[in-house]
Amino acid sequence: MKMTVVKASGGAGEMEVSDEAFGVPFKEHLVHQIVVAYQAGGRSGTRAQKNRSAVSGSTRKPWAQKGGGRARAGNIRSPIWRGGGKTFPATTQDFSQKVNKKMRRAALRSIMSELIRQDRLITVDEIQAASKTKELLARLAGFGISGRSPDVLIVADNAVDGLALAARNLYRVAVRPSDRVDPVSLIAHDKVLMTVGAVRKLEEMLA
């Protein structure tokens, strides 16, 4: 299949890409599974509370079992006492889910194909590093992405440090190198701006 390539100097061209990588049907169930797995992996799961064996305090019986007229008590760590442990405490938990390489690549193929069908993928010959945010906005406008706060993911095949600095003050603009692109970032933005080199690297990985 052919993709339109927007040139930084103006005008447009075409490039041939593999149907196996960018022309597959959209598999919603697979994409959903991968997105849930990625988001679950981002959870820290570090919350923790103490049960009656973990809180500090003596284990001595506060008073005699019988004869005092008060409710029986075993020790001051009891969950029904103020300062005692939790009955069912929250514990640290690993929320990560296993994602096979085959599933991840199939999800990326599905997402990339759907982005092309929806005209949300813009392929450009190159993206030069910008020293200021205003320069980056001007270059995005040259590629047909206008507005003071565009919603776009920029995927480049080379160093992205300069682009990342220029985009840091733009809330909806994200920058990723081609080897670190993930399914969640691809579907989270209205547009995806990708260099020819990044497309070729993805094609090599997905085809």
C-alpha atoms as a PDB file:
ATOM      1  CA  MET A   1       0.000   0.000   0.000  1.00  0.00           C
ATOM      2  CA  LYS A   2       1.025   3.624  -0.490  1.00  0.00           C
ATOM      3  CA  MET A   3       1.254   6.380   2.110  1.00  0.00           C
ATOM      4  CA  THR A   4       1.418  10.116   1.539  1.00  0.00           C
ATOM      5  CA  VAL A   5       4.602  11.782   2.786  1.00  0.00           C
ATOM      6  CA  VAL A   6       4.462  15.488   3.646  1.00  0.00           C
ATOM      7  CA  LYS A   7       7.754  17.263   2.975  1.00  0.00           C
ATOM      8  CA  ALA A   8       9.140  19.846   5.369  1.00  0.00           C
ATOM      9  CA  SER A   9      10.127  22.031   2.421  1.00  0.00           C
ATOM     10  CA  GLY A  10       6.579  21.930   1.037  1.00  0.00           C
ATOM     11  CA  GLY A  11       4.716  19.581  -1.238  1.00  0.00           C
ATOM     12  CA  ALA A  12       4.112  15.886  -0.806  1.00  0.00           C
ATOM     13  CA  GLY A  13       5.261  12.520  -2.082  1.00  0.00           C
ATOM     14  CA  GLU A  14       4.483   8.852  -1.599  1.00  0.00           C
ATOM     15  CA  MET A  15       6.097   5.830  -0.022  1.00  0.00           C
ATOM     16  CA  GLU A  16       5.350   2.132  -0.324  1.00  0.00           C
ATOM     17  CA  VAL A  17       4.702   0.244   2.927  1.00  0.00           C
ATOM     18  CA  SER A  18       3.830  -3.328   3.794  1.00  0.00           C
ATOM     19  CA  ASP A  19       0.182  -4.377   3.987  1.00  0.00           C
ATOM     20  CA  GLU A  20       1.172  -6.913   6.647  1.00  0.00           C
ATOM     21  CA  ALA A  21       2.213  -4.094   8.978  1.00  0.00           C
ATOM     22  CA  PHE A  22      -0.187  -1.269   8.100  1.00  0.00           C
ATOM     23  CA  GLY A  23      -3.142  -2.890   6.350  1.00  0.00           C
ATOM     24  CA  VAL A  24      -4.657  -5.303   8.867  1.00  0.00           C
ATOM     25  CA  PRO A  25      -8.186  -5.240  10.377  1.00  0.00           C
ATOM     26  CA  PHE A  26      -8.752  -3.507  13.699  1.00  0.00           C
ATOM     27  CA  LYS A  27      -8.961  -5.982  16.601  1.00  0.00           C
ATOM     28  CA  GLU A  28     -10.664  -4.052  19.370  1.00  0.00           C
ATOM     29  CA  HIS A  29     -10.548  -6.875  21.933  1.00  0.00           C
ATOM     30  CA  LEU A  30      -6.778  -7.276  21.511  1.00  0.00           C
ATOM     31  CA  VAL A  31      -6.078  -3.533  21.695  1.00  0.00           C
ATOM     32  CA  HIS A  32      -8.246  -3.274  24.803  1.00  0.00           C
ATOM     33  CA  GLN A  33      -6.353  -6.126  26.469  1.00  0.00           C
ATOM     34  CA  ILE A  34      -2.974  -4.557  25.696  1.00  0.00           C
ATOM     35  CA  VAL A  35      -4.040  -1.076  26.873  1.00  0.00           C
ATOM     36  CA  VAL A  36      -5.383  -2.482  30.150  1.00  0.00           C
ATOM     37  CA  ALA A  37      -2.118  -4.379  30.664  1.00  0.00           C
ATOM     38  CA  TYR A  38      -0.009  -1.245  30.034  1.00  0.00           C
ATOM     39  CA  GLN A  39      -2.103   0.859  32.398  1.00  0.00           C
ATOM     40  CA  ALA A  40      -2.053  -1.843  35.064  1.00  0.00           C
ATOM     41  CA  GLY A  41       1.731  -1.966  34.825  1.00  0.00           C
ATOM     42  CA  GLY A  42       1.851   1.737  35.662  1.00  0.00           C
ATOM     43  CA  ARG A  43       0.177   1.232  39.041  1.00  0.00           C
ATOM     44  CA  SER A  44       2.613   1.356  41.936  1.00  0.00           C
ATOM     45  CA  GLY A  45       0.736  -0.984  44.273  1.00  0.00           C
ATOM     46  CA  THR A  46       2.807   0.215  47.236  1.00  0.00           C
ATOM     47  CA  ARG A  47      -0.002   0.959  49.700  1.00  0.00           C
ATOM     48  CA  ALA A  48       0.245  -1.015  52.937  1.00  0.00           C
ATOM     49  CA  GLN A  49      -1.473  -1.072  56.327  1.00  0.00           C
ATOM     50  CA  LYS A  50      -0.638  -2.948  59.523  1.00  0.00           C
ATOM     51  CA  ASN A  51      -2.573  -5.825  61.032  1.00  0.00           C
ATOM     52  CA  ARG A  52      -2.592  -6.654  64.737  1.00  0.00           C
ATOM     53  CA  SER A  53       0.732  -8.491  64.523  1.00  0.00           C
ATOM     54  CA  ALA A  54       2.515  -5.561  62.834  1.00  0.00           C
ATOM     55  CA  VAL A  55       1.520  -2.624  65.069  1.00  0.00           C
ATOM     56  CA  SER A  56       3.658  -1.750  68.071  1.00  0.00           C
ATOM     57  CA  GLY A  57       2.486  -2.435  71.582  1.00  0.00           C
ATOM     58  CA  SER A  58       2.562  -5.031  74.321  1.00  0.00           C
ATOM     59  CA  THR A  59       0.831  -8.376  73.974  1.00  0.00           C
ATOM     60  CA  ARG A  60       0.085  -8.482  77.721  1.00  0.00           C
ATOM     61  CA  LYS A  61      -3.549  -8.897  78.665  1.00  0.00           C
ATOM     62  CA  PRO A  62      -4.763  -5.439  79.839  1.00  0.00           C
ATOM     63  CA  TRP A  63      -6.904  -6.774  82.697  1.00  0.00           C
ATOM     64  CA  ALA A  64      -8.292 -10.002  84.050  1.00  0.00           C
ATOM     65  CA  GLN A  65     -10.762 -11.902  81.938  1.00  0.00           C
ATOM     66  CA  LYS A  66     -13.446 -11.890  84.632  1.00  0.00           C
ATOM     67  CA  GLY A  67     -14.446  -9.881  87.647  1.00  0.00           C
ATOM     68  CA  GLY A  68     -13.751  -6.334  86.501  1.00  0.00           C
ATOM     69  CA  GLY A  69     -17.099  -5.578  84.902  1.00  0.00           C
ATOM     70  CA  ARG A  70     -15.446  -4.509  81.687  1.00  0.00           C
ATOM     71  CA  ALA A  71     -15.486  -6.158  78.285  1.00  0.00           C
ATOM     72  CA  ARG A  72     -12.890  -8.871  77.927  1.00  0.00           C
ATOM     73  CA  ALA A  73      -9.730  -7.869  76.068  1.00  0.00           C
ATOM     74  CA  GLY A  74      -6.729  -9.847  74.892  1.00  0.00           C
ATOM     75  CA  ASN A  75      -4.204  -7.098  74.113  1.00  0.00           C
ATOM     76  CA  ILE A  76      -4.036  -3.477  73.035  1.00  0.00           C
ATOM     77  CA  ARG A  77      -3.255  -4.397  69.418  1.00  0.00           C
ATOM     78  CA  SER A  78      -6.800  -5.605  68.856  1.00  0.00           C
ATOM     79  CA  PRO A  79      -8.506  -4.053  65.804  1.00  0.00           C
ATOM     80  CA  ILE A  80     -11.403  -2.849  67.957  1.00  0.00           C
ATOM     81  CA  TRP A  81      -9.055  -0.724  70.067  1.00  0.00           C
ATOM     82  CA  ARG A  82      -7.945   2.767  69.157  1.00  0.00           C
ATOM     83  CA  GLY A  83      -4.415   2.469  67.756  1.00  0.00           C
ATOM     84  CA  GLY A  84      -4.851  -1.220  67.078  1.00  0.00           C
ATOM     85  CA  GLY A  85      -4.189  -3.012  63.813  1.00  0.00           C
ATOM     86  CA  LYS A  86      -6.517  -3.223  60.831  1.00  0.00           C
ATOM     87  CA  THR A  87      -8.712  -6.298  60.592  1.00  0.00           C
ATOM     88  CA  PHE A  88      -8.243  -6.636  56.830  1.00  0.00           C
ATOM     89  CA  PRO A  89      -5.248  -4.429  55.972  1.00  0.00           C
ATOM     90  CA  ALA A  90      -4.324  -3.361  52.463  1.00  0.00           C
ATOM     91  CA  THR A  91      -1.087  -4.981  51.341  1.00  0.00           C
ATOM     92  CA  THR A  92       1.428  -4.318  48.593  1.00  0.00           C
ATOM     93  CA  GLN A  93       0.301  -5.753  45.289  1.00  0.00           C
ATOM     94  CA  ASP A  94       1.790  -6.342  41.860  1.00  0.00           C
ATOM     95  CA  PHE A  95      -0.773  -5.317  39.229  1.00  0.00           C
ATOM     96  CA  SER A  96       1.417  -6.059  36.218  1.00  0.00           C
ATOM     97  CA  GLN A  97       0.084  -8.373  33.535  1.00  0.00           C
ATOM     98  CA  LYS A  98       2.122 -10.472  31.159  1.00  0.00           C
ATOM     99  CA  VAL A  99       2.051  -9.284  27.536  1.00  0.00           C
ATOM    100  CA  ASN A 100       3.590 -11.525  24.903  1.00  0.00           C
ATOM    101  CA  LYS A 101       5.671  -9.945  22.133  1.00  0.00           C
ATOM    102  CA  LYS A 102       3.350 -11.469  19.551  1.00  0.00           C
ATOM    103  CA  MET A 103       0.306  -9.837  21.160  1.00  0.00           C
ATOM    104  CA  ARG A 104       2.020  -6.457  21.506  1.00  0.00           C
ATOM    105  CA  ARG A 105       3.110  -6.433  17.872  1.00  0.00           C
ATOM    106  CA  ALA A 106      -0.336  -7.538  16.699  1.00  0.00           C
ATOM    107  CA  ALA A 107      -1.886  -4.680  18.696  1.00  0.00           C
ATOM    108  CA  LEU A 108       0.580  -2.178  17.192  1.00  0.00           C
ATOM    109  CA  ARG A 109      -0.235  -3.433  13.685  1.00  0.00           C
ATOM    110  CA  SER A 110      -3.943  -3.066  14.393  1.00  0.00           C
ATOM    111  CA  ILE A 111      -3.571   0.453  15.822  1.00  0.00           C
ATOM    112  CA  MET A 112      -1.296   1.706  13.031  1.00  0.00           C
ATOM    113  CA  SER A 113      -3.664   0.349  10.379  1.00  0.00           C
ATOM    114  CA  GLU A 114      -6.643   2.041  12.034  1.00  0.00           C
ATOM    115  CA  LEU A 115      -4.765   5.360  12.327  1.00  0.00           C
ATOM    116  CA  ILE A 116      -4.140   5.265   8.572  1.00  0.00           C
ATOM    117  CA  ARG A 117      -7.787   4.439   7.821  1.00  0.00           C
ATOM    118  CA  GLN A 118      -8.962   7.340  10.013  1.00  0.00           C
ATOM    119  CA  ASP A 119      -6.428   9.785   8.481  1.00  0.00           C
ATOM    120  CA  ARG A 120      -4.895  10.360  11.900  1.00  0.00           C
ATOM    121  CA  LEU A 121      -1.356   9.379  10.862  1.00  0.00           C
ATOM    122  CA  ILE A 122       0.756  12.074   9.202  1.00  0.00           C
ATOM    123  CA  THR A 123       4.037  10.893   7.694  1.00  0.00           C
ATOM    124  CA  VAL A 124       6.754  13.499   7.116  1.00  0.00           C
ATOM    125  CA  ASP A 125      10.198  13.255   5.555  1.00  0.00           C
ATOM    126  CA  GLU A 126      11.922  14.825   8.575  1.00  0.00           C
ATOM    127  CA  ILE A 127      11.308  16.764  11.781  1.00  0.00           C
ATOM    128  CA  GLN A 128      14.090  19.147  12.677  1.00  0.00           C
ATOM    129  CA  ALA A 129      14.792  19.900  16.323  1.00  0.00           C
ATOM    130  CA  ALA A 130      13.265  23.151  17.553  1.00  0.00           C
ATOM    131  CA  SER A 131      14.905  25.354  20.176  1.00  0.00           C
ATOM    132  CA  LYS A 132      11.658  27.074  21.176  1.00  0.00           C
ATOM    133  CA  THR A 133       8.034  26.075  21.571  1.00  0.00           C
ATOM    134  CA  LYS A 134       6.961  28.735  19.077  1.00  0.00           C
ATOM    135  CA  GLU A 135       9.216  27.180  16.432  1.00  0.00           C
ATOM    136  CA  LEU A 136       7.732  23.732  17.049  1.00  0.00           C
ATOM    137  CA  LEU A 137       4.188  25.089  16.741  1.00  0.00           C
ATOM    138  CA  ALA A 138       5.122  26.738  13.442  1.00  0.00           C
ATOM    139  CA  ARG A 139       6.534  23.478  12.100  1.00  0.00           C
ATOM    140  CA  LEU A 140       3.468  21.542  13.207  1.00  0.00           C
ATOM    141  CA  ALA A 141       1.288  24.109  11.433  1.00  0.00           C
ATOM    142  CA  GLY A 142       3.329  23.499   8.280  1.00  0.00           C
ATOM    143  CA  PHE A 143       2.351  19.828   8.513  1.00  0.00           C
ATOM    144  CA  GLY A 144      -1.331  20.701   8.877  1.00  0.00           C
ATOM    145  CA  ILE A 145      -1.506  20.495  12.671  1.00  0.00           C
ATOM    146  CA  SER A 146      -2.540  23.934  13.895  1.00  0.00           C
ATOM    147  CA  GLY A 147      -3.798  25.452  17.132  1.00  0.00           C
ATOM    148  CA  ARG A 148      -2.251  26.818  20.318  1.00  0.00           C
ATOM    149  CA  SER A 149      -2.421  23.409  22.014  1.00  0.00           C
ATOM    150  CA  PRO A 150      -2.480  20.657  19.366  1.00  0.00           C
ATOM    151  CA  ASP A 151      -3.124  17.083  20.436  1.00  0.00           C
ATOM    152  CA  VAL A 152      -0.357  15.154  18.688  1.00  0.00           C
ATOM    153  CA  LEU A 153       2.187  12.411  19.286  1.00  0.00           C
ATOM    154  CA  ILE A 154       5.524  12.991  17.531  1.00  0.00           C
ATOM    155  CA  VAL A 155       7.494   9.841  16.711  1.00  0.00           C
ATOM    156  CA  ALA A 156      11.000  10.384  15.330  1.00  0.00           C
ATOM    157  CA  ASP A 157      13.686   7.945  14.262  1.00  0.00           C
ATOM    158  CA  ASN A 158      16.585  10.015  15.592  1.00  0.00           C
ATOM    159  CA  ALA A 159      17.421  11.949  18.769  1.00  0.00           C
ATOM    160  CA  VAL A 160      14.312  13.563  20.262  1.00  0.00           C
ATOM    161  CA  ASP A 161      15.879  15.593  23.090  1.00  0.00           C
ATOM    162  CA  GLY A 162      15.503  18.925  21.285  1.00  0.00           C
ATOM    163  CA  LEU A 163      11.925  18.173  20.267  1.00  0.00           C
ATOM    164  CA  ALA A 164      11.054  17.018  23.772  1.00  0.00           C
ATOM    165  CA  LEU A 165      12.351  20.268  25.283  1.00  0.00           C
ATOM    166  CA  ALA A 166      10.377  22.367  22.798  1.00  0.00           C
ATOM    167  CA  ALA A 167       7.217  20.320  23.413  1.00  0.00           C
ATOM    168  CA  ARG A 168       7.552  20.218  27.187  1.00  0.00           C
ATOM    169  CA  ASN A 169       5.356  23.293  27.649  1.00  0.00           C
ATOM    170  CA  LEU A 170       2.610  21.937  25.374  1.00  0.00           C
ATOM    171  CA  TYR A 171       0.169  19.904  27.420  1.00  0.00           C
ATOM    172  CA  ARG A 172      -1.147  17.668  24.622  1.00  0.00           C
ATOM    173  CA  VAL A 173       2.072  17.184  22.652  1.00  0.00           C
ATOM    174  CA  ALA A 174       4.200  14.114  23.383  1.00  0.00           C
ATOM    175  CA  VAL A 175       7.498  13.050  21.807  1.00  0.00           C
ATOM    176  CA  ARG A 176       8.730   9.469  21.527  1.00  0.00           C
ATOM    177  CA  PRO A 177      11.617   7.766  19.730  1.00  0.00           C
ATOM    178  CA  SER A 178      10.517   5.046  17.333  1.00  0.00           C
ATOM    179  CA  ASP A 179      11.896   2.260  19.518  1.00  0.00           C
ATOM    180  CA  ARG A 180       9.846   3.383  22.535  1.00  0.00           C
ATOM    181  CA  VAL A 181       6.436   3.905  20.973  1.00  0.00           C
ATOM    182  CA  ASP A 182       3.645   2.114  22.820  1.00  0.00           C
ATOM    183  CA  PRO A 183      -0.028   1.330  22.066  1.00  0.00           C
ATOM    184  CA  VAL A 184      -1.410   3.636  24.770  1.00  0.00           C
ATOM    185  CA  SER A 185       0.411   6.709  23.421  1.00  0.00           C
ATOM    186  CA  LEU A 186      -0.686   5.966  19.851  1.00  0.00           C
ATOM    187  CA  ILE A 187      -4.396   5.921  20.691  1.00  0.00           C
ATOM    188  CA  ALA A 188      -4.297   8.721  23.277  1.00  0.00           C
ATOM    189  CA  HIS A 189      -3.757  11.540  20.750  1.00  0.00           C
ATOM    190  CA  ASP A 190      -5.868  12.921  17.911  1.00  0.00           C
ATOM    191  CA  LYS A 191      -2.938  12.900  15.475  1.00  0.00           C
ATOM    192  CA  VAL A 192       0.312  10.966  15.177  1.00  0.00           C
ATOM    193  CA  LEU A 193       3.190  12.687  13.370  1.00  0.00           C
ATOM    194  CA  MET A 194       5.814  10.171  12.279  1.00  0.00           C
ATOM    195  CA  THR A 195       8.987  10.482  10.239  1.00  0.00           C
ATOM    196  CA  VAL A 196       9.693   8.202   7.289  1.00  0.00           C
ATOM    197  CA  GLY A 197      12.569   6.653   9.224  1.00  0.00           C
ATOM    198  CA  ALA A 198      10.291   5.867  12.169  1.00  0.00           C
ATOM    199  CA  VAL A 199       7.729   4.295   9.832  1.00  0.00           C
ATOM    200  CA  ARG A 200      10.439   2.108   8.302  1.00  0.00           C
ATOM    201  CA  LYS A 201      11.651   0.977  11.725  1.00  0.00           C
ATOM    202  CA  LEU A 202       8.113   0.099  12.792  1.00  0.00           C
ATOM    203  CA  GLU A 203       7.525  -1.672   9.492  1.00  0.00           C
ATOM    204  CA  GLU A 204      10.669  -3.741  10.009  1.00  0.00           C
ATOM    205  CA  MET A 205       9.510  -4.726  13.482  1.00  0.00           C
ATOM    206  CA  LEU A 206       5.862  -5.435  12.619  1.00  0.00           C
ATOM    207  CA  ALA A 207       5.997  -6.963   9.145  1.00  0.00           C
END
